[in-house]
Amino acid sequence: MSQELYARLQKQLDRYSIGFPATESGVEQAILRKLFSEADAELFTRLAPRLESPAEVAARLGRDEAELARQMDGMAERGLLFRRRAPESSRYAAIPFIHGLFEFQLKDLDPELAGLMESYVQERNFDRAMQTSAAAFLRPIPVQRAVPVEHHVASFEDAAAILRQAGQIVLAECICRKQKQAVGKGCGKVMEACFMFGSMGQYYLDRNMGRRISVEEGLEVLAKAAESGLVTQPGTAQNPAGMCNCCGDCCGVLGSLRKHPKPALMVMSNHYAELDRELCTGCETCLERCQMDAIAIGGEGLAAINLDRCIGCGLCVTTCPAEAITLKSKPEARRQEPPKTSAEQMRYMAQRRGLI
């Protein structure tokens, strides 16, 4: 029964978000057993990623409402369910593995779970899931200073505009960098760099996983992130539930994309970097800044940009001492408009993964 239950749980999670694929090693089963008791796993498999009250679930499952409410609230406190609190009754929903179960372990990440995740992200099936879903999950947007002032940038491509229209802004640590640090592979870059908005931000506050900040503080975080060489990536929706600042060393999405021969084809990005060879001095500053290994020094000692690998983040532009690199907008025919809402984003992700 136990093995069948956790296999059923894995298959359910694999239908959500970027997926949670099975592996040859079976490490995903070890992760689930670490997080879920059999009772919690059984309840999770009876839920869906839509908010329900304990009364609704109790009526559907034929269980005692008070007992079920205690179990669901306990699961939410351990990051196993999403919870939206309300005066009359809290409501709960099943959540994906990413963004969800993994990120919600921010307070409770221990060396065992960090080690299991380190094994999981090395699996080929994990890379395939990330690469397939990258364009539907997160989208790199350009560093504001990399875009020429005369160019109009849509608000959904402007991190500052996203912060200003978010309402409540909650700042949290990066679970990816925290996990890498726990296994001795930390990059040393800014840890507190993930923004959560709306009901997701409130969940983080309710569990003391983040702190409320102002727009001005958020802009300071963005500036530090860009200085550190982090790629700003909001959720794909135009009104995202969150926005990350990621590095290729620790981020599961960027790490898997970097292994792909053509990352530019796998992301939703409307920009690309262009080099002026007349200005380039071959100083190599841009090499370390690029998280996709899209820049190399050629035989003439000058930089060369591989457009199959460039994701248009602009990190190379802002630190080029010779101002030899500029960020260009893709032609209108190749530009992409992200889904307007998170619900549309979920449908888009399911389409990308062949689920609908």
Protein backbone atom coordinates (compact mmCIF):
# COMPACT_ATOMS: atom_id res chain seq x y z
CA MET A 1 0.00 0.00 0.00
CA SER A 2 2.74 2.45 0.99
CA GLN A 3 4.68 2.12 -2.28
CA GLU A 4 1.50 2.48 -4.35
CA LEU A 5 0.45 5.54 -2.34
CA TYR A 6 3.69 7.44 -2.87
CA ALA A 7 3.75 6.45 -6.55
CA ARG A 8 0.24 7.90 -6.87
CA LEU A 9 1.38 11.08 -5.12
CA GLN A 10 4.36 11.42 -7.47
CA LYS A 11 2.13 11.05 -10.54
CA GLN A 12 -0.25 13.67 -9.22
CA LEU A 13 2.58 16.15 -8.64
CA ASP A 14 3.95 15.41 -12.09
CA ARG A 15 0.76 16.87 -13.56
CA TYR A 16 1.26 20.24 -11.85
CA SER A 17 3.45 23.19 -12.86
CA ILE A 18 6.81 22.03 -14.25
CA GLY A 19 6.15 18.48 -13.09
CA PHE A 20 7.77 16.08 -10.65
CA PRO A 21 9.10 13.26 -12.84
CA ALA A 22 10.00 9.80 -11.66
CA THR A 23 13.69 8.87 -11.88
CA GLU A 24 15.77 5.74 -12.33
CA SER A 25 17.25 6.15 -8.85
CA GLY A 26 13.88 6.64 -7.16
CA VAL A 27 15.13 9.69 -5.25
CA GLU A 28 11.79 11.41 -5.79
CA GLN A 29 10.17 8.71 -3.65
CA ALA A 30 12.66 9.39 -0.86
CA ILE A 31 11.81 13.10 -1.02
CA LEU A 32 8.09 12.40 -0.73
CA ARG A 33 8.58 10.01 2.20
CA LYS A 34 10.70 12.66 3.91
CA LEU A 35 7.94 15.25 3.56
CA PHE A 36 4.70 13.26 3.81
CA SER A 37 3.39 10.79 6.34
CA GLU A 38 1.11 8.17 4.81
CA ALA A 39 -1.93 9.96 6.24
CA ASP A 40 -0.86 13.28 4.72
CA ALA A 41 0.00 11.68 1.40
CA GLU A 42 -3.42 10.02 1.27
CA LEU A 43 -5.20 13.32 1.92
CA PHE A 44 -3.06 15.22 -0.61
CA THR A 45 -4.02 12.74 -3.35
CA ARG A 46 -7.70 13.49 -2.60
CA LEU A 47 -7.23 17.22 -3.13
CA ALA A 48 -6.85 19.41 -6.21
CA PRO A 49 -5.00 22.69 -6.83
CA ARG A 50 -8.13 24.70 -6.02
CA LEU A 51 -9.05 26.23 -2.69
CA GLU A 52 -11.53 24.31 -0.55
CA SER A 53 -12.69 24.65 3.05
CA PRO A 54 -12.39 21.73 5.48
CA ALA A 55 -16.20 21.54 5.45
CA GLU A 56 -16.24 21.05 1.67
CA VAL A 57 -13.51 18.41 1.79
CA ALA A 58 -15.10 16.65 4.78
CA ALA A 59 -18.43 16.41 2.97
CA ARG A 60 -16.74 15.03 -0.13
CA LEU A 61 -14.58 12.49 1.73
CA GLY A 62 -17.04 11.58 4.49
CA ARG A 63 -14.67 12.63 7.27
CA ASP A 64 -15.04 14.56 10.51
CA GLU A 65 -14.68 18.27 9.73
CA ALA A 66 -12.83 19.27 12.91
CA GLU A 67 -10.30 16.47 12.58
CA LEU A 68 -9.78 17.25 8.91
CA ALA A 69 -9.33 20.96 9.65
CA ARG A 70 -6.56 20.15 12.15
CA GLN A 71 -4.80 17.90 9.64
CA MET A 72 -5.03 20.40 6.79
CA ASP A 73 -3.79 23.26 8.95
CA GLY A 74 -0.89 21.12 10.17
CA MET A 75 0.01 20.29 6.58
CA ALA A 76 -0.12 23.97 5.63
CA GLU A 77 2.22 24.79 8.53
CA ARG A 78 4.68 22.21 7.18
CA GLY A 79 4.47 23.55 3.64
CA LEU A 80 2.45 20.62 2.28
CA LEU A 81 -0.66 22.60 1.33
CA PHE A 82 -1.34 26.18 0.29
CA ARG A 83 -3.58 28.01 2.76
CA ARG A 84 -5.58 31.20 2.47
CA ARG A 85 -6.76 32.38 5.85
CA ALA A 86 -10.17 34.01 6.30
CA PRO A 87 -12.22 35.04 9.37
CA GLU A 88 -14.93 32.47 8.73
CA SER A 89 -12.79 29.53 7.60
CA SER A 90 -9.38 28.97 6.08
CA ARG A 91 -9.23 27.32 2.67
CA TYR A 92 -6.59 24.94 1.39
CA ALA A 93 -5.30 23.59 -1.91
CA ALA A 94 -2.87 21.01 -3.24
CA ILE A 95 0.32 22.59 -4.56
CA PRO A 96 2.97 21.73 -7.17
CA PHE A 97 6.40 20.55 -6.15
CA ILE A 98 7.94 23.69 -7.74
CA HIS A 99 6.86 26.44 -6.98
CA GLY A 100 5.28 24.93 -3.88
CA LEU A 101 6.41 22.00 -1.76
CA PHE A 102 10.13 22.64 -2.21
CA GLU A 103 10.01 26.41 -1.70
CA PHE A 104 7.67 26.04 1.26
CA GLN A 105 10.41 24.12 3.12
CA LEU A 106 12.33 27.40 3.45
CA LYS A 107 12.19 27.36 7.26
CA ASP A 108 12.64 23.62 7.66
CA LEU A 109 15.27 22.73 5.05
CA ASP A 110 17.68 20.31 6.72
CA PRO A 111 20.84 18.59 5.41
CA GLU A 112 18.92 15.41 4.57
CA LEU A 113 16.36 17.13 2.36
CA ALA A 114 19.04 19.35 0.83
CA GLY A 115 21.05 16.25 -0.07
CA LEU A 116 18.04 14.51 -1.58
CA MET A 117 17.30 17.58 -3.69
CA GLU A 118 20.93 17.74 -4.81
CA SER A 119 20.59 14.18 -6.10
CA TYR A 120 17.25 14.93 -7.74
CA VAL A 121 18.45 17.96 -9.71
CA GLN A 122 21.22 15.82 -11.23
CA GLU A 123 18.68 13.45 -12.80
CA ARG A 124 18.10 13.66 -16.55
CA ASN A 125 14.33 13.56 -16.12
CA PHE A 126 14.49 16.62 -13.89
CA ASP A 127 16.46 18.52 -16.54
CA ARG A 128 13.97 17.53 -19.24
CA ALA A 129 11.05 18.74 -17.14
CA MET A 130 12.76 22.05 -16.41
CA GLN A 131 13.79 22.64 -20.01
CA THR A 132 10.35 21.81 -21.36
CA SER A 133 8.55 24.06 -18.89
CA ALA A 134 11.03 26.93 -18.59
CA ALA A 135 9.20 29.28 -20.95
CA ALA A 136 5.92 28.70 -19.13
CA PHE A 137 7.26 28.92 -15.56
CA LEU A 138 9.70 31.86 -15.33
CA ARG A 139 10.83 34.40 -17.90
CA PRO A 140 14.08 36.35 -17.81
CA ILE A 141 13.54 40.09 -18.12
CA PRO A 142 16.26 42.64 -18.84
CA VAL A 143 18.18 44.59 -16.25
CA GLN A 144 16.55 48.02 -16.41
CA ARG A 145 19.84 49.83 -17.02
CA ALA A 146 20.58 47.55 -20.00
CA VAL A 147 17.66 48.84 -22.06
CA PRO A 148 18.24 52.10 -23.96
CA VAL A 149 16.05 54.87 -22.55
CA GLU A 150 14.50 55.57 -25.95
CA HIS A 151 13.15 52.02 -26.15
CA HIS A 152 9.70 51.37 -24.78
CA VAL A 153 9.59 48.32 -22.53
CA ALA A 154 6.23 46.78 -21.64
CA SER A 155 5.39 46.88 -17.93
CA PHE A 156 5.49 43.09 -17.73
CA GLU A 157 9.16 43.27 -18.79
CA ASP A 158 10.08 45.93 -16.23
CA ALA A 159 10.91 44.61 -12.74
CA ALA A 160 10.34 48.02 -11.16
CA ALA A 161 6.88 48.27 -12.73
CA ILE A 162 6.03 44.77 -11.48
CA LEU A 163 6.97 45.80 -7.93
CA ARG A 164 4.99 49.05 -8.11
CA GLN A 165 1.80 47.35 -9.24
CA ALA A 166 2.13 44.36 -6.89
CA GLY A 167 0.49 45.91 -3.83
CA GLN A 168 1.90 43.87 -0.96
CA ILE A 169 5.57 42.88 -1.47
CA VAL A 170 7.10 40.11 0.62
CA LEU A 171 10.84 39.39 0.48
CA ALA A 172 12.14 35.88 1.19
CA GLU A 173 15.37 33.92 0.96
CA CYS A 174 16.15 31.96 -2.21
CA ILE A 175 15.46 28.28 -1.50
CA CYS A 176 17.79 27.23 -4.33
CA ARG A 177 20.81 29.08 -2.94
CA LYS A 178 19.90 27.93 0.56
CA GLN A 179 19.80 24.28 -0.59
CA LYS A 180 23.15 24.57 -2.38
CA GLN A 181 24.70 26.20 0.67
CA ALA A 182 23.47 23.30 2.82
CA VAL A 183 25.39 20.79 0.67
CA GLY A 184 28.56 22.88 0.53
CA LYS A 185 28.03 24.28 -2.97
CA GLY A 186 26.84 27.80 -2.15
CA CYS A 187 27.66 30.60 -4.58
CA GLY A 188 27.87 33.35 -1.96
CA LYS A 189 25.44 35.61 -3.82
CA VAL A 190 22.55 37.56 -2.32
CA MET A 191 20.36 35.17 -0.32
CA GLU A 192 17.33 37.35 0.43
CA ALA A 193 16.25 37.99 -3.15
CA CYS A 194 12.85 36.40 -3.87
CA PHE A 195 9.66 38.48 -4.03
CA MET A 196 6.17 37.14 -3.35
CA PHE A 197 2.95 39.02 -4.06
CA GLY A 198 -0.74 38.79 -3.23
CA SER A 199 -2.06 35.67 -1.50
CA MET A 200 1.27 33.89 -2.04
CA GLY A 201 3.02 36.70 -0.21
CA GLN A 202 0.49 36.46 2.61
CA TYR A 203 1.14 32.71 2.95
CA TYR A 204 4.85 33.47 3.32
CA LEU A 205 4.05 36.06 6.00
CA ASP A 206 1.69 33.71 7.84
CA ARG A 207 4.48 31.12 8.11
CA ASN A 208 7.24 33.63 8.89
CA MET A 209 9.09 32.73 5.70
CA GLY A 210 9.47 36.33 4.56
CA ARG A 211 9.01 39.97 5.54
CA ARG A 212 6.92 42.78 4.10
CA ILE A 213 8.96 45.49 2.37
CA SER A 214 8.31 48.75 0.55
CA VAL A 215 8.71 49.38 -3.17
CA GLU A 216 11.85 51.42 -2.40
CA GLU A 217 13.39 48.49 -0.51
CA GLY A 218 12.44 46.20 -3.37
CA LEU A 219 14.21 48.44 -5.86
CA GLU A 220 17.33 48.30 -3.69
CA VAL A 221 17.18 44.49 -3.72
CA LEU A 222 16.88 44.54 -7.52
CA ALA A 223 19.94 46.80 -7.79
CA LYS A 224 21.99 44.50 -5.54
CA ALA A 225 20.81 41.46 -7.49
CA ALA A 226 21.90 42.98 -10.80
CA GLU A 227 25.24 43.98 -9.29
CA SER A 228 25.72 40.39 -8.10
CA GLY A 229 24.99 39.01 -11.55
CA LEU A 230 21.54 37.55 -10.83
CA VAL A 231 18.93 37.09 -13.56
CA THR A 232 15.57 38.64 -12.66
CA GLN A 233 12.80 36.17 -13.44
CA PRO A 234 9.14 36.84 -12.62
CA GLY A 235 6.48 34.19 -13.10
CA THR A 236 5.37 34.00 -16.70
CA ALA A 237 2.02 35.71 -16.07
CA GLN A 238 1.85 39.46 -16.62
CA ASN A 239 0.64 39.82 -13.01
CA PRO A 240 2.96 37.23 -11.44
CA ALA A 241 2.59 35.77 -7.94
CA GLY A 242 6.33 36.18 -7.45
CA MET A 243 9.65 37.28 -8.92
CA CYS A 244 13.01 35.58 -8.40
CA ASN A 245 16.59 36.76 -8.84
CA CYS A 246 18.47 33.68 -9.98
CA CYS A 247 22.01 32.47 -10.64
CA GLY A 248 23.10 29.72 -12.98
CA ASP A 249 25.03 28.05 -10.15
CA CYS A 250 22.05 27.32 -7.89
CA CYS A 251 18.75 27.88 -9.72
CA GLY A 252 17.17 24.65 -10.92
CA VAL A 253 15.61 26.34 -13.96
CA LEU A 254 18.76 28.18 -15.10
CA GLY A 255 20.96 25.20 -14.27
CA SER A 256 18.91 22.90 -16.50
CA LEU A 257 18.68 25.53 -19.24
CA ARG A 258 22.45 25.91 -19.23
CA LYS A 259 22.77 22.20 -20.08
CA HIS A 260 20.55 22.67 -23.15
CA PRO A 261 22.37 23.40 -26.44
CA LYS A 262 19.99 26.25 -27.28
CA PRO A 263 18.61 27.91 -24.14
CA ALA A 264 17.33 30.90 -26.16
CA LEU A 265 14.72 28.65 -27.77
CA MET A 266 13.47 27.43 -24.39
CA VAL A 267 12.70 30.75 -22.69
CA MET A 268 10.17 33.54 -23.15
CA SER A 269 12.43 36.51 -23.81
CA ASN A 270 12.05 39.47 -26.15
CA HIS A 271 15.65 40.68 -26.12
CA TYR A 272 19.14 39.61 -27.13
CA ALA A 273 22.65 40.96 -26.67
CA GLU A 274 24.64 42.36 -29.59
CA LEU A 275 28.39 43.01 -29.67
CA ASP A 276 30.20 45.85 -31.42
CA ARG A 277 33.53 44.26 -32.35
CA GLU A 278 35.05 47.68 -33.01
CA LEU A 279 34.59 48.61 -29.37
CA CYS A 280 35.34 45.26 -27.72
CA THR A 281 38.70 45.08 -25.93
CA GLY A 282 38.52 41.39 -25.01
CA CYS A 283 38.60 42.18 -21.28
CA GLU A 284 36.46 39.08 -20.48
CA THR A 285 34.29 40.92 -17.93
CA CYS A 286 31.17 39.64 -19.69
CA LEU A 287 32.18 35.97 -19.46
CA GLU A 288 31.52 35.66 -15.74
CA ARG A 289 28.36 37.75 -15.91
CA CYS A 290 26.66 35.47 -18.45
CA GLN A 291 24.67 32.72 -16.70
CA MET A 292 24.14 30.75 -19.94
CA ASP A 293 27.73 30.55 -21.20
CA ALA A 294 26.58 32.49 -24.26
CA ILE A 295 29.80 34.51 -24.56
CA ALA A 296 33.27 33.25 -25.42
CA ILE A 297 36.56 34.87 -26.44
CA GLY A 298 37.35 34.10 -30.06
CA GLY A 299 40.61 33.63 -31.90
CA GLU A 300 41.11 37.37 -32.33
CA GLY A 301 40.88 37.92 -28.59
CA LEU A 302 37.44 39.51 -28.87
CA ALA A 303 34.13 38.43 -27.37
CA ALA A 304 31.61 36.52 -29.46
CA ILE A 305 27.94 36.04 -28.52
CA ASN A 306 26.14 32.78 -29.29
CA LEU A 307 22.56 33.88 -29.89
CA ASP A 308 21.32 30.31 -29.46
CA ARG A 309 22.35 30.64 -25.83
CA CYS A 310 21.55 34.30 -25.05
CA ILE A 311 18.39 34.74 -22.93
CA GLY A 312 18.39 38.55 -23.10
CA CYS A 313 18.91 39.35 -19.41
CA GLY A 314 21.32 42.25 -20.07
CA LEU A 315 23.81 41.40 -17.32
CA CYS A 316 26.68 41.58 -19.80
CA VAL A 317 25.59 45.04 -20.95
CA THR A 318 25.67 46.83 -17.61
CA THR A 319 29.27 45.96 -16.74
CA CYS A 320 31.01 46.17 -20.13
CA PRO A 321 33.70 48.86 -19.54
CA ALA A 322 33.99 49.57 -23.27
CA GLU A 323 30.19 49.74 -23.76
CA ALA A 324 30.64 47.27 -26.58
CA ILE A 325 27.48 45.26 -25.81
CA THR A 326 23.93 46.52 -26.22
CA LEU A 327 20.56 44.89 -25.64
CA LYS A 328 18.31 44.69 -28.68
CA SER A 329 14.59 44.01 -28.99
CA LYS A 330 13.69 41.03 -31.10
CA PRO A 331 11.73 41.72 -34.30
CA GLU A 332 7.99 42.11 -33.81
CA ALA A 333 7.28 38.73 -35.42
CA ARG A 334 9.43 36.98 -32.82
CA ARG A 335 8.23 38.84 -29.75
CA GLN A 336 6.07 36.99 -27.22
CA GLU A 337 3.39 38.31 -24.91
CA PRO A 338 3.10 36.34 -21.67
CA PRO A 339 -0.24 35.07 -20.33
CA LYS A 340 -2.25 37.78 -18.59
CA THR A 341 -3.16 35.82 -15.45
CA SER A 342 -1.74 32.98 -13.37
CA ALA A 343 -4.68 30.79 -14.44
CA GLU A 344 -3.74 31.35 -18.09
CA GLN A 345 -0.13 30.59 -17.17
CA MET A 346 -1.15 27.23 -15.70
CA ARG A 347 -3.04 26.33 -18.88
CA TYR A 348 -0.05 27.42 -20.96
CA MET A 349 2.25 25.22 -18.87
CA ALA A 350 -0.05 22.24 -19.28
CA GLN A 351 -0.10 22.79 -23.05
CA ARG A 352 3.70 23.00 -23.17
CA ARG A 353 3.96 19.69 -21.32
CA GLY A 354 1.34 17.99 -23.48
CA LEU A 355 -1.17 17.56 -20.64
CA ILE A 356 -4.02 19.31 -22.50
